PDB file of N, CA and C in Angstrom:
ATOM      1  N   SER A   1      60.103   8.051  10.728  1.00  0.00           N
ATOM      2  CA  SER A   1      60.805   7.915   9.437  1.00  0.00           C
ATOM      3  C   SER A   1      61.350   6.737   8.815  1.00  0.00           C
ATOM      4  N   PRO A   2      61.583   5.743   8.380  1.00  0.00           N
ATOM      5  CA  PRO A   2      62.969   4.857   8.382  1.00  0.00           C
ATOM      6  C   PRO A   2      64.432   5.741   7.780  1.00  0.00           C
ATOM      7  N   ILE A   3      64.051   6.866   6.987  1.00  0.00           N
ATOM      8  CA  ILE A   3      65.145   7.520   6.754  1.00  0.00           C
ATOM      9  C   ILE A   3      65.926   7.824   7.867  1.00  0.00           C
ATOM     10  N   LEU A   4      64.977   8.723   8.999  1.00  0.00           N
ATOM     11  CA  LEU A   4      65.306   8.904  10.158  1.00  0.00           C
ATOM     12  C   LEU A   4      66.460   8.047  11.120  1.00  0.00           C
ATOM     13  N   THR A   5      65.082   6.731  11.204  1.00  0.00           N
ATOM     14  CA  THR A   5      65.920   5.800  11.699  1.00  0.00           C
ATOM     15  C   THR A   5      67.241   5.553  11.604  1.00  0.00           C
ATOM     16  N   GLU A   6      66.913   5.107  10.042  1.00  0.00           N
ATOM     17  CA  GLU A   6      68.935   4.340   9.558  1.00  0.00           C
ATOM     18  C   GLU A   6      69.544   5.564   9.838  1.00  0.00           C
ATOM     19  N   SER A   7      69.346   6.834  10.058  1.00  0.00           N
ATOM     20  CA  SER A   7      70.319   8.105   9.782  1.00  0.00           C
ATOM     21  C   SER A   7      70.704   7.268  11.561  1.00  0.00           C
ATOM     22  N   LEU A   8      69.502   7.754  12.400  1.00  0.00           N
ATOM     23  CA  LEU A   8      69.983   7.853  13.755  1.00  0.00           C
ATOM     24  C   LEU A   8      70.851   5.920  13.929  1.00  0.00           C
ATOM     25  N   ARG A   9      70.857   5.396  13.602  1.00  0.00           N
ATOM     26  CA  ARG A   9      71.833   4.464  13.601  1.00  0.00           C
ATOM     27  C   ARG A   9      72.814   4.117  12.850  1.00  0.00           C
ATOM     28  N   MET A  10      73.088   5.261  12.199  1.00  0.00           N
ATOM     29  CA  MET A  10      74.215   5.369  11.375  1.00  0.00           C
ATOM     30  C   MET A  10      75.463   5.863  12.339  1.00  0.00           C
ATOM     31  N   MET A  11      75.129   7.000  12.771  1.00  0.00           N
ATOM     32  CA  MET A  11      74.923   8.114  13.906  1.00  0.00           C
ATOM     33  C   MET A  11      75.092   7.363  15.529  1.00  0.00           C
ATOM     34  N   GLY A  12      74.800   6.549  15.996  1.00  0.00           N
ATOM     35  CA  GLY A  12      74.920   5.670  16.867  1.00  0.00           C
ATOM     36  C   GLY A  12      76.239   4.776  16.282  1.00  0.00           C
ATOM     37  N   LEU A  13      76.051   4.409  15.360  1.00  0.00           N
ATOM     38  CA  LEU A  13      77.397   2.770  14.799  1.00  0.00           C
ATOM     39  C   LEU A  13      78.686   4.336  14.745  1.00  0.00           C
ATOM     40  N   ALA A  14      78.705   4.892  14.367  1.00  0.00           N
ATOM     41  CA  ALA A  14      79.906   6.326  14.061  1.00  0.00           C
ATOM     42  C   ALA A  14      80.455   6.176  15.256  1.00  0.00           C
ATOM     43  N   ASN A  15      79.617   6.794  16.570  1.00  0.00           N
ATOM     44  CA  ASN A  15      79.949   7.392  17.916  1.00  0.00           C
ATOM     45  C   ASN A  15      80.801   6.106  18.699  1.00  0.00           C
ATOM     46  N   LEU A  16      80.188   4.581  18.498  1.00  0.00           N
ATOM     47  CA  LEU A  16      80.533   3.657  19.071  1.00  0.00           C
ATOM     48  C   LEU A  16      81.763   3.862  18.333  1.00  0.00           C
ATOM     49  N   GLY A  17      82.209   4.304  17.376  1.00  0.00           N
ATOM     50  CA  GLY A  17      83.805   3.633  16.570  1.00  0.00           C
ATOM     51  C   GLY A  17      84.800   4.870  17.198  1.00  0.00           C
ATOM     52  N   THR A  18      84.440   5.716  17.659  1.00  0.00           N
ATOM     53  CA  THR A  18      84.491   7.210  17.544  1.00  0.00           C
ATOM     54  C   THR A  18      85.329   6.800  19.441  1.00  0.00           C
ATOM     55  N   MET A  19      84.720   6.313  19.830  1.00  0.00           N
ATOM     56  CA  MET A  19      84.382   6.146  21.847  1.00  0.00           C
ATOM     57  C   MET A  19      85.733   4.471  21.077  1.00  0.00           C
ATOM     58  N   ASN A  20      85.464   3.897  20.680  1.00  0.00           N
ATOM     59  CA  ASN A  20      86.030   2.548  20.369  1.00  0.00           C
ATOM     60  C   ASN A  20      87.665   3.124  19.880  1.00  0.00           C
ATOM     61  N   GLU A  21      87.958   3.670  19.130  1.00  0.00           N
ATOM     62  CA  GLU A  21      89.252   4.535  18.837  1.00  0.00           C
ATOM     63  C   GLU A  21      90.190   5.566  20.206  1.00  0.00           C
ATOM     64  N   ALA A  22      88.700   5.513  21.149  1.00  0.00           N
ATOM     65  CA  ALA A  22      89.246   6.310  22.099  1.00  0.00           C
ATOM     66  C   ALA A  22      90.149   5.872  23.555  1.00  0.00           C
ATOM     67  N   ILE A  23      88.910   4.253  23.105  1.00  0.00           N
ATOM     68  CA  ILE A  23      89.607   3.162  24.219  1.00  0.00           C
ATOM     69  C   ILE A  23      90.812   2.303  23.995  1.00  0.00           C
ATOM     70  N   ALA A  24      91.013   2.149  22.413  1.00  0.00           N
ATOM     71  CA  ALA A  24      91.893   1.825  21.931  1.00  0.00           C
ATOM     72  C   ALA A  24      93.232   2.287  22.510  1.00  0.00           C
ATOM     73  N   GLY A  25      93.297   3.423  21.971  1.00  0.00           N
ATOM     74  CA  GLY A  25      94.340   4.308  22.439  1.00  0.00           C
ATOM     75  C   GLY A  25      94.790   4.332  23.700  1.00  0.00           C
ATOM     76  N   ALA A  26      93.903   4.679  24.413  1.00  0.00           N
ATOM     77  CA  ALA A  26      94.189   4.866  26.405  1.00  0.00           C
ATOM     78  C   ALA A  26      94.855   3.258  25.960  1.00  0.00           C
ATOM     79  N   ALA A  27      93.772   1.859  25.752  1.00  0.00           N
ATOM     80  CA  ALA A  27      94.186   0.622  25.714  1.00  0.00           C
ATOM     81  C   ALA A  27      95.813   0.348  25.793  1.00  0.00           C
ATOM     82  N   ALA A  28      96.278   0.740  24.673  1.00  0.00           N
ATOM     83  CA  ALA A  28      97.937   0.981  24.103  1.00  0.00           C
ATOM     84  C   ALA A  28      98.642   1.215  24.677  1.00  0.00           C
ATOM     85  N   ASP A  29      98.333   2.921  25.710  1.00  0.00           N
ATOM     86  CA  ASP A  29      98.466   3.977  26.330  1.00  0.00           C
ATOM     87  C   ASP A  29      99.590   2.947  27.704  1.00  0.00           C
ATOM     88  N   GLY A  30      99.096   1.598  28.171  1.00  0.00           N
ATOM     89  CA  GLY A  30      99.126   1.359  28.975  1.00  0.00           C
ATOM     90  C   GLY A  30      98.974  -0.040  29.256  1.00  0.00           C
ATOM     91  N   GLY A  31      99.521  -0.497  27.529  1.00  0.00           N
ATOM     92  CA  GLY A  31      99.628  -1.644  27.955  1.00  0.00           C
ATOM     93  C   GLY A  31      98.526  -2.802  27.548  1.00  0.00           C
ATOM     94  N   ALA A  32      97.159  -2.567  27.989  1.00  0.00           N
ATOM     95  CA  ALA A  32      96.765  -3.531  28.207  1.00  0.00           C
ATOM     96  C   ALA A  32      95.892  -4.323  26.450  1.00  0.00           C
ATOM     97  N   THR A  33      94.959  -5.503  26.816  1.00  0.00           N
ATOM     98  CA  THR A  33      95.111  -5.575  25.021  1.00  0.00           C
ATOM     99  C   THR A  33      93.529  -5.324  25.928  1.00  0.00           C
ATOM    100  N   LEU A  34      92.904  -5.329  24.358  1.00  0.00           N
ATOM    101  CA  LEU A  34      91.580  -5.245  24.041  1.00  0.00           C
ATOM    102  C   LEU A  34      91.293  -5.781  23.001  1.00  0.00           C
ATOM    103  N   VAL A  35      89.878  -6.118  23.763  1.00  0.00           N
ATOM    104  CA  VAL A  35      88.972  -6.943  23.036  1.00  0.00           C
ATOM    105  C   VAL A  35      87.849  -6.383  22.411  1.00  0.00           C
ATOM    106  N   ASP A  36      88.064  -6.412  21.143  1.00  0.00           N
ATOM    107  CA  ASP A  36      86.789  -5.334  20.345  1.00  0.00           C
ATOM    108  C   ASP A  36      85.287  -5.958  19.999  1.00  0.00           C
ATOM    109  N   PHE A  37      84.594  -6.323  21.262  1.00  0.00           N
ATOM    110  CA  PHE A  37      83.569  -5.912  21.525  1.00  0.00           C
ATOM    111  C   PHE A  37      82.841  -5.861  20.417  1.00  0.00           C
ATOM    112  N   HIS A  38      82.653  -4.990  20.048  1.00  0.00           N
ATOM    113  CA  HIS A  38      81.721  -4.255  19.170  1.00  0.00           C
ATOM    114  C   HIS A  38      81.764  -4.766  17.989  1.00  0.00           C
ATOM    115  N   GLY A  39      83.200  -4.928  17.266  1.00  0.00           N
ATOM    116  CA  GLY A  39      82.748  -5.333  16.483  1.00  0.00           C
ATOM    117  C   GLY A  39      82.460  -6.899  16.084  1.00  0.00           C
ATOM    118  N   GLY A  40      82.918  -7.638  17.359  1.00  0.00           N
ATOM    119  CA  GLY A  40      81.791  -8.928  17.663  1.00  0.00           C
ATOM    120  C   GLY A  40      80.652  -8.792  17.592  1.00  0.00           C
ATOM    121  N   PHE A  41      80.169  -8.070  18.145  1.00  0.00           N
ATOM    122  CA  PHE A  41      78.754  -7.996  18.045  1.00  0.00           C
ATOM    123  C   PHE A  41      78.211  -7.866  16.710  1.00  0.00           C
ATOM    124  N   LEU A  42      78.734  -7.021  16.066  1.00  0.00           N
ATOM    125  CA  LEU A  42      78.515  -6.930  14.364  1.00  0.00           C
ATOM    126  C   LEU A  42      77.073  -8.295  13.923  1.00  0.00           C
ATOM    127  N   GLY A  43      76.443  -7.814  13.717  1.00  0.00           N
ATOM    128  CA  GLY A  43      75.766  -9.041  13.058  1.00  0.00           C
ATOM    129  C   GLY A  43      74.327  -9.853  14.100  1.00  0.00           C
ATOM    130  N   HIS A  44      75.097  -9.431  14.953  1.00  0.00           N
ATOM    131  CA  HIS A  44      74.953 -10.255  16.687  1.00  0.00           C
ATOM    132  C   HIS A  44      73.645  -9.533  17.523  1.00  0.00           C
ATOM    133  N   GLY A  45      72.997  -9.066  16.629  1.00  0.00           N
ATOM    134  CA  GLY A  45      72.496  -7.555  17.201  1.00  0.00           C
ATOM    135  C   GLY A  45      70.562  -7.893  17.267  1.00  0.00           C
ATOM    136  N   MET A  46      69.701  -6.950  17.779  1.00  0.00           N
ATOM    137  CA  MET A  46      68.186  -7.422  18.031  1.00  0.00           C
ATOM    138  C   MET A  46      67.534  -7.961  16.462  1.00  0.00           C
ATOM    139  N   ASN A  47      68.082  -7.800  15.610  1.00  0.00           N
ATOM    140  CA  ASN A  47      67.495  -8.540  14.274  1.00  0.00           C
ATOM    141  C   ASN A  47      67.912  -9.710  14.362  1.00  0.00           C
ATOM    142  N   ALA A  48      69.396 -10.293  14.630  1.00  0.00           N
ATOM    143  CA  ALA A  48      69.616 -11.259  14.209  1.00  0.00           C
ATOM    144  C   ALA A  48      68.631 -12.252  14.589  1.00  0.00           C
ATOM    145  N   ALA A  49      68.600 -13.787  14.105  1.00  0.00           N
ATOM    146  CA  ALA A  49      67.835 -14.707  14.824  1.00  0.00           C
ATOM    147  C   ALA A  49      68.149 -15.935  15.269  1.00  0.00           C
ATOM    148  N   GLY A  50      67.610 -16.643  16.193  1.00  0.00           N
ATOM    149  CA  GLY A  50      68.439 -17.705  16.869  1.00  0.00           C
ATOM    150  C   GLY A  50      69.584 -17.436  17.946  1.00  0.00           C
ATOM    151  N   ASP A  51      70.802 -18.144  18.046  1.00  0.00           N
ATOM    152  CA  ASP A  51      71.857 -18.198  18.346  1.00  0.00           C
ATOM    153  C   ASP A  51      72.566 -16.799  17.550  1.00  0.00           C
ATOM    154  N   ALA A  52      72.125 -16.391  16.597  1.00  0.00           N
ATOM    155  CA  ALA A  52      72.930 -15.317  16.001  1.00  0.00           C
ATOM    156  C   ALA A  52      73.029 -14.186  16.621  1.00  0.00           C
ATOM    157  N   ARG A  53      71.948 -14.256  17.327  1.00  0.00           N
ATOM    158  CA  ARG A  53      71.170 -13.023  18.616  1.00  0.00           C
ATOM    159  C   ARG A  53      71.815 -13.161  19.754  1.00  0.00           C
ATOM    160  N   TRP A  54      73.244 -11.847  19.680  1.00  0.00           N
ATOM    161  CA  TRP A  54      73.922 -12.254  21.459  1.00  0.00           C
ATOM    162  C   TRP A  54      73.444 -11.296  21.931  1.00  0.00           C
ATOM    163  N   ILE A  55      71.903 -10.019  21.986  1.00  0.00           N
ATOM    164  CA  ILE A  55      71.507  -9.056  22.771  1.00  0.00           C
ATOM    165  C   ILE A  55      69.667  -9.902  23.471  1.00  0.00           C
ATOM    166  N   SER A  56      70.241  -9.700  24.781  1.00  0.00           N
ATOM    167  CA  SER A  56      68.670  -9.762  25.091  1.00  0.00           C
ATOM    168  C   SER A  56      67.205  -8.472  25.217  1.00  0.00           C
ATOM    169  N   ASN A  57      66.499  -8.880  24.979  1.00  0.00           N
ATOM    170  CA  ASN A  57      65.526  -8.067  25.088  1.00  0.00           C
ATOM    171  C   ASN A  57      64.947  -7.121  25.254  1.00  0.00           C
ATOM    172  N   ASP A  58      66.118  -6.733  26.434  1.00  0.00           N
ATOM    173  CA  ASP A  58      66.265  -5.243  27.004  1.00  0.00           C
ATOM    174  C   ASP A  58      66.868  -4.350  25.952  1.00  0.00           C
ATOM    175  N   CYS A  59      67.516  -4.815  25.088  1.00  0.00           N
ATOM    176  CA  CYS A  59      68.525  -3.974  23.651  1.00  0.00           C
ATOM    177  C   CYS A  59      69.085  -3.878  24.301  1.00  0.00           C
ATOM    178  N   THR A  60      69.782  -4.167  26.005  1.00  0.00           N
ATOM    179  CA  THR A  60      71.348  -3.494  26.176  1.00  0.00           C
ATOM    180  C   THR A  60      72.277  -4.941  26.521  1.00  0.00           C
ATOM    181  N   HIS A  61      71.650  -5.879  26.764  1.00  0.00           N
ATOM    182  CA  HIS A  61      72.693  -6.827  27.867  1.00  0.00           C
ATOM    183  C   HIS A  61      72.480  -7.639  26.667  1.00  0.00           C
ATOM    184  N   PRO A  62      73.701  -8.416  26.629  1.00  0.00           N
ATOM    185  CA  PRO A  62      73.963 -10.296  26.666  1.00  0.00           C
ATOM    186  C   PRO A  62      72.943 -10.756  26.672  1.00  0.00           C
ATOM    187  N   ASN A  63      72.704 -11.966  26.263  1.00  0.00           N
ATOM    188  CA  ASN A  63      72.094 -12.725  26.307  1.00  0.00           C
ATOM    189  C   ASN A  63      73.180 -14.292  26.569  1.00  0.00           C
ATOM    190  N   ASP A  64      72.295 -15.732  26.885  1.00  0.00           N
ATOM    191  CA  ASP A  64      73.508 -16.496  27.575  1.00  0.00           C
ATOM    192  C   ASP A  64      73.660 -16.211  26.035  1.00  0.00           C
ATOM    193  N   ALA A  65      73.999 -16.636  24.653  1.00  0.00           N
ATOM    194  CA  ALA A  65      74.639 -16.966  23.562  1.00  0.00           C
ATOM    195  C   ALA A  65      76.259 -15.524  23.361  1.00  0.00           C
ATOM    196  N   GLY A  66      75.424 -14.372  23.878  1.00  0.00           N
ATOM    197  CA  GLY A  66      76.032 -13.201  23.877  1.00  0.00           C
ATOM    198  C   GLY A  66      77.374 -13.426  25.053  1.00  0.00           C
ATOM    199  N   HIS A  67      77.283 -13.745  26.160  1.00  0.00           N
ATOM    200  CA  HIS A  67      77.877 -13.777  27.161  1.00  0.00           C
ATOM    201  C   HIS A  67      78.849 -14.889  26.346  1.00  0.00           C
ATOM    202  N   HIS A  68      78.842 -16.029  26.163  1.00  0.00           N
ATOM    203  CA  HIS A  68      79.324 -17.078  25.519  1.00  0.00           C
ATOM    204  C   HIS A  68      79.809 -16.414  24.120  1.00  0.00           C
ATOM    205  N   GLY A  69      79.488 -15.362  23.513  1.00  0.00           N
ATOM    206  CA  GLY A  69      80.071 -14.880  22.278  1.00  0.00           C
ATOM    207  C   GLY A  69      81.771 -13.954  22.754  1.00  0.00           C
ATOM    208  N   LEU A  70      80.917 -13.168  24.648  1.00  0.00           N
ATOM    209  CA  LEU A  70      81.944 -12.513  24.917  1.00  0.00           C
ATOM    210  C   LEU A  70      83.648 -13.489  25.611  1.00  0.00           C
ATOM    211  N   ARG A  71      82.869 -14.454  25.842  1.00  0.00           N
ATOM    212  CA  ARG A  71      84.640 -15.349  26.088  1.00  0.00           C
ATOM    213  C   ARG A  71      85.406 -16.069  25.158  1.00  0.00           C
ATOM    214  N   GLN A  72      84.248 -15.881  24.398  1.00  0.00           N
ATOM    215  CA  GLN A  72      85.316 -16.131  23.179  1.00  0.00           C
ATOM    216  C   GLN A  72      85.803 -15.151  22.208  1.00  0.00           C
ATOM    217  N   LEU A  73      85.619 -14.657  22.881  1.00  0.00           N
ATOM    218  CA  LEU A  73      86.081 -12.958  21.939  1.00  0.00           C
ATOM    219  C   LEU A  73      87.532 -12.644  22.668  1.00  0.00           C
ATOM    220  N   GLU A  74      86.948 -12.719  23.650  1.00  0.00           N
ATOM    221  CA  GLU A  74      88.305 -12.587  25.362  1.00  0.00           C
ATOM    222  C   GLU A  74      89.384 -13.720  25.130  1.00  0.00           C
ATOM    223  N   TRP A  75      88.657 -15.267  24.422  1.00  0.00           N
ATOM    224  CA  TRP A  75      89.616 -15.639  24.714  1.00  0.00           C
ATOM    225  C   TRP A  75      91.030 -15.755  23.342  1.00  0.00           C
ATOM    226  N   GLU A  76      89.958 -15.797  22.684  1.00  0.00           N
ATOM    227  CA  GLU A  76      91.121 -15.424  20.842  1.00  0.00           C
ATOM    228  C   GLU A  76      92.203 -14.172  21.553  1.00  0.00           C
ATOM    229  N   ALA A  77      92.024 -13.151  22.105  1.00  0.00           N
ATOM    230  CA  ALA A  77      92.325 -11.737  22.198  1.00  0.00           C
ATOM    231  C   ALA A  77      93.460 -12.206  23.058  1.00  0.00           C
ATOM    232  N   LEU A  78      93.441 -12.897  24.019  1.00  0.00           N
ATOM    233  CA  LEU A  78      94.594 -13.821  25.026  1.00  0.00           C
ATOM    234  C   LEU A  78      95.367 -14.107  24.627  1.00  0.00           C
ATOM    235  N   THR A  79      94.680 -15.173  23.745  1.00  0.00           N
ATOM    236  CA  THR A  79      95.106 -16.238  23.842  1.00  0.00           C
ATOM    237  C   THR A  79      95.949 -16.397  22.587  1.00  0.00           C
ATOM    238  N   GLY A  80      94.919 -15.848  21.476  1.00  0.00           N
ATOM    239  CA  GLY A  80      95.320 -16.313  19.657  1.00  0.00           C
ATOM    240  C   GLY A  80      94.616 -17.143  19.584  1.00  0.00           C
ATOM    241  N   GLU A  81      94.205 -17.687  19.875  1.00  0.00           N
ATOM    242  CA  GLU A  81      93.744 -19.756  19.559  1.00  0.00           C
ATOM    243  C   GLU A  81      91.797 -18.933  19.410  1.00  0.00           C
ATOM    244  N   ARG A  82      91.239 -19.805  19.056  1.00  0.00           N
ATOM    245  CA  ARG A  82      89.684 -20.116  18.610  1.00  0.00           C
ATOM    246  C   ARG A  82      89.030 -21.203  19.209  1.00  0.00           C
ATOM    247  N   TYR A  83      87.925 -21.072  19.696  1.00  0.00           N
ATOM    248  CA  TYR A  83      87.540 -22.696  20.215  1.00  0.00           C
ATOM    249  C   TYR A  83      86.210 -22.315  20.026  1.00  0.00           C
TER     250      TYR A  83
END
C-alpha cells in the first residue's frame, strides 16, 4: 500500500540519519574529515530524471553521474571549493 511504502521510506531515511550521526561522532573523535554523502544524494535517487539520478539500476551503487557527484562532494569537503 502507498501508506506502508511511505512509512518504510521514512523509517529508512530516519535509520540513515541515526547511522550518519554515529559516523559523524566517530569521525570528529578521530579528527577525520566527514563527507555527507547521504545529504549529497538526496534528490538524486531512483525517481530523479536524467543526470539528476545518481543511482544505478541495481538501486545500490552510484552510476557515472553519482561517482562524479561523490568526487564533487569530496573535493568540497577537503578544499572548501566547489567545481
